[in-house]
Protein backbone atom coordinates (compact mmCIF):
# COMPACT_ATOMS: atom_id res chain seq x y z
CA MET A 1 94.44 -34.00 -51.48
CA GLU A 2 91.75 -32.66 -49.16
CA ILE A 3 91.68 -28.97 -48.31
CA LYS A 4 92.40 -29.54 -44.62
CA LYS A 5 95.44 -31.63 -45.53
CA ALA A 6 96.66 -28.92 -47.93
CA ILE A 7 96.31 -26.28 -45.21
CA GLU A 8 98.30 -28.43 -42.77
CA TRP A 9 100.96 -29.02 -45.44
CA LEU A 10 101.26 -25.29 -46.24
CA LYS A 11 101.49 -24.42 -42.55
CA ALA A 12 104.27 -26.98 -42.10
CA ILE A 13 106.17 -25.57 -45.08
CA SER A 14 105.76 -22.04 -43.73
CA ALA A 15 107.13 -23.06 -40.32
CA THR A 16 110.24 -24.62 -41.86
CA GLN A 17 111.21 -21.78 -44.21
CA ASN A 18 114.79 -20.53 -43.78
CA ASP A 19 116.67 -17.67 -45.36
CA SER A 20 117.66 -18.39 -48.93
CA PRO A 21 120.23 -16.94 -51.35
CA HIS A 22 117.40 -16.59 -53.91
CA LYS A 23 115.72 -13.26 -54.67
CA ASN A 24 112.67 -14.08 -52.56
CA SER A 25 113.24 -13.25 -48.93
CA LEU A 26 112.06 -15.50 -46.12
CA SER A 27 109.39 -13.00 -45.12
CA ASP A 28 108.09 -12.82 -48.74
CA ARG A 29 107.81 -16.60 -48.98
CA LYS A 30 106.13 -16.85 -45.57
CA GLU A 31 103.70 -14.08 -46.49
CA ALA A 32 102.82 -15.83 -49.77
CA LEU A 33 102.21 -19.10 -47.93
CA TYR A 34 100.13 -17.31 -45.30
CA MET A 35 97.99 -15.69 -48.02
CA ALA A 36 97.45 -19.10 -49.64
CA ILE A 37 96.41 -20.60 -46.30
CA VAL A 38 93.94 -17.76 -45.64
CA ALA A 39 92.45 -18.08 -49.14
CA ILE A 40 91.98 -21.83 -48.80
CA GLU A 41 90.43 -21.46 -45.33
CA GLU A 42 87.97 -18.86 -46.68
CA LEU A 43 87.12 -21.18 -49.57
CA GLU A 44 86.35 -23.96 -47.13
CA GLN A 45 84.03 -21.67 -45.15
CA TYR A 46 82.11 -20.85 -48.34
CA ARG A 47 81.83 -24.52 -49.22
CA GLU A 48 80.27 -25.19 -45.80
CA ILE A 49 77.62 -22.55 -46.54
CA GLY A 50 76.75 -24.15 -49.88
CA SER A 51 77.20 -23.51 -53.55
CA ILE A 52 75.77 -20.48 -55.32
CA LYS A 53 73.18 -22.76 -56.87
CA GLU A 54 72.14 -24.09 -53.45
CA CYS A 55 71.87 -20.55 -52.06
CA ARG A 56 69.71 -19.45 -55.02
CA GLU A 57 67.46 -22.48 -54.59
CA ALA A 58 67.07 -21.72 -50.87
CA ARG A 59 66.22 -18.09 -51.66
CA GLU A 60 63.59 -19.23 -54.19
CA ARG A 61 62.01 -21.52 -51.57
CA GLN A 62 61.52 -18.47 -49.34
CA LYS A 63 59.14 -16.98 -51.91
CA SER A 64 55.64 -18.19 -51.03
CA LYS A 65 53.95 -20.40 -53.60
CA LYS A 66 50.46 -21.79 -53.55
CA PRO A 67 50.32 -25.53 -52.95
CA LYS A 68 49.08 -27.54 -55.89
CA GLY A 69 46.52 -30.27 -55.67
CA ILE A 70 44.59 -29.18 -52.59
CA ASN A 71 42.03 -31.94 -52.14
CA LYS A 72 39.42 -31.63 -49.45
CA VAL A 73 38.55 -35.03 -47.94
CA ASP A 74 36.03 -33.75 -45.42
CA GLU A 75 35.43 -30.62 -43.35
CA ASP A 76 38.53 -31.27 -41.20
CA THR A 77 40.98 -33.03 -43.57
CA VAL A 78 42.82 -31.73 -46.62
CA TYR A 79 45.63 -33.15 -48.78
CA MET A 80 48.03 -30.70 -50.36
CA GLU A 81 50.98 -31.18 -52.70
CA CYS A 82 54.09 -29.01 -52.45
CA THR A 83 54.76 -27.00 -55.60
CA ASN A 84 58.51 -27.45 -55.20
CA CYS A 85 59.15 -31.08 -54.19
CA GLY A 86 55.78 -32.75 -54.77
CA LEU A 87 55.41 -34.01 -51.18
CA THR A 88 51.78 -34.76 -50.39
CA THR A 89 50.86 -33.75 -46.85
CA VAL A 90 47.71 -34.48 -44.88
CA LEU A 91 46.45 -31.41 -43.08
CA TYR A 92 43.82 -31.37 -40.39
CA SER A 93 41.57 -28.52 -39.33
CA GLY A 94 43.62 -25.46 -38.40
CA MET A 95 46.89 -26.91 -39.75
CA GLU A 96 48.28 -24.63 -42.41
CA PRO A 97 52.06 -24.82 -42.17
CA ASP A 98 54.08 -21.87 -43.41
CA TYR A 99 56.65 -24.19 -45.00
CA CYS A 100 56.81 -27.64 -46.61
CA PRO A 101 58.16 -30.11 -44.02
CA LYS A 102 60.40 -31.78 -46.63
CA CYS A 103 62.01 -29.01 -48.69
CA GLY A 104 61.20 -25.82 -46.78
CA GLN A 105 59.21 -24.19 -49.60
CA ALA A 106 57.19 -21.25 -48.23
CA ILE A 107 53.46 -21.87 -48.73
CA ASP A 108 50.95 -19.20 -49.72
CA TRP A 109 47.52 -20.09 -48.28
CA SER A 110 45.73 -16.94 -49.48
CA ARG A 111 42.83 -17.39 -51.85
CA ASP A 112 42.80 -15.79 -55.30
CA ASP A 113 39.77 -13.69 -54.31
CA GLY A 114 41.76 -12.07 -51.49
CA GLY A 115 40.09 -14.09 -48.72
CA GLU A 116 41.63 -16.75 -46.50
CA GLU A 117 41.18 -20.51 -47.02
């Protein structure tokens, strides 16, 4: 059963609850159903955001990494390979993107000697 279907089902049950001779009062049963609905709705919101693993991976991609395999073709053309996904990108003079266009990995263009490329 899908979460949305379960929520609908729980809401329908809650709407049809009547007083019962059992120990649990109608208000207790409705409150329990309401709490279940809220918990499932919150779970669905978290699933839309992504898993913990996906969030950690996204956070890691925000940390700048130097591209690997920077190959200069001529004065105006360079090929670079993303450290994260391996995408090879052609860059022309003045094009130094802050992020990989495929995976979003932040790119560190600084040189090891402290100067700029």
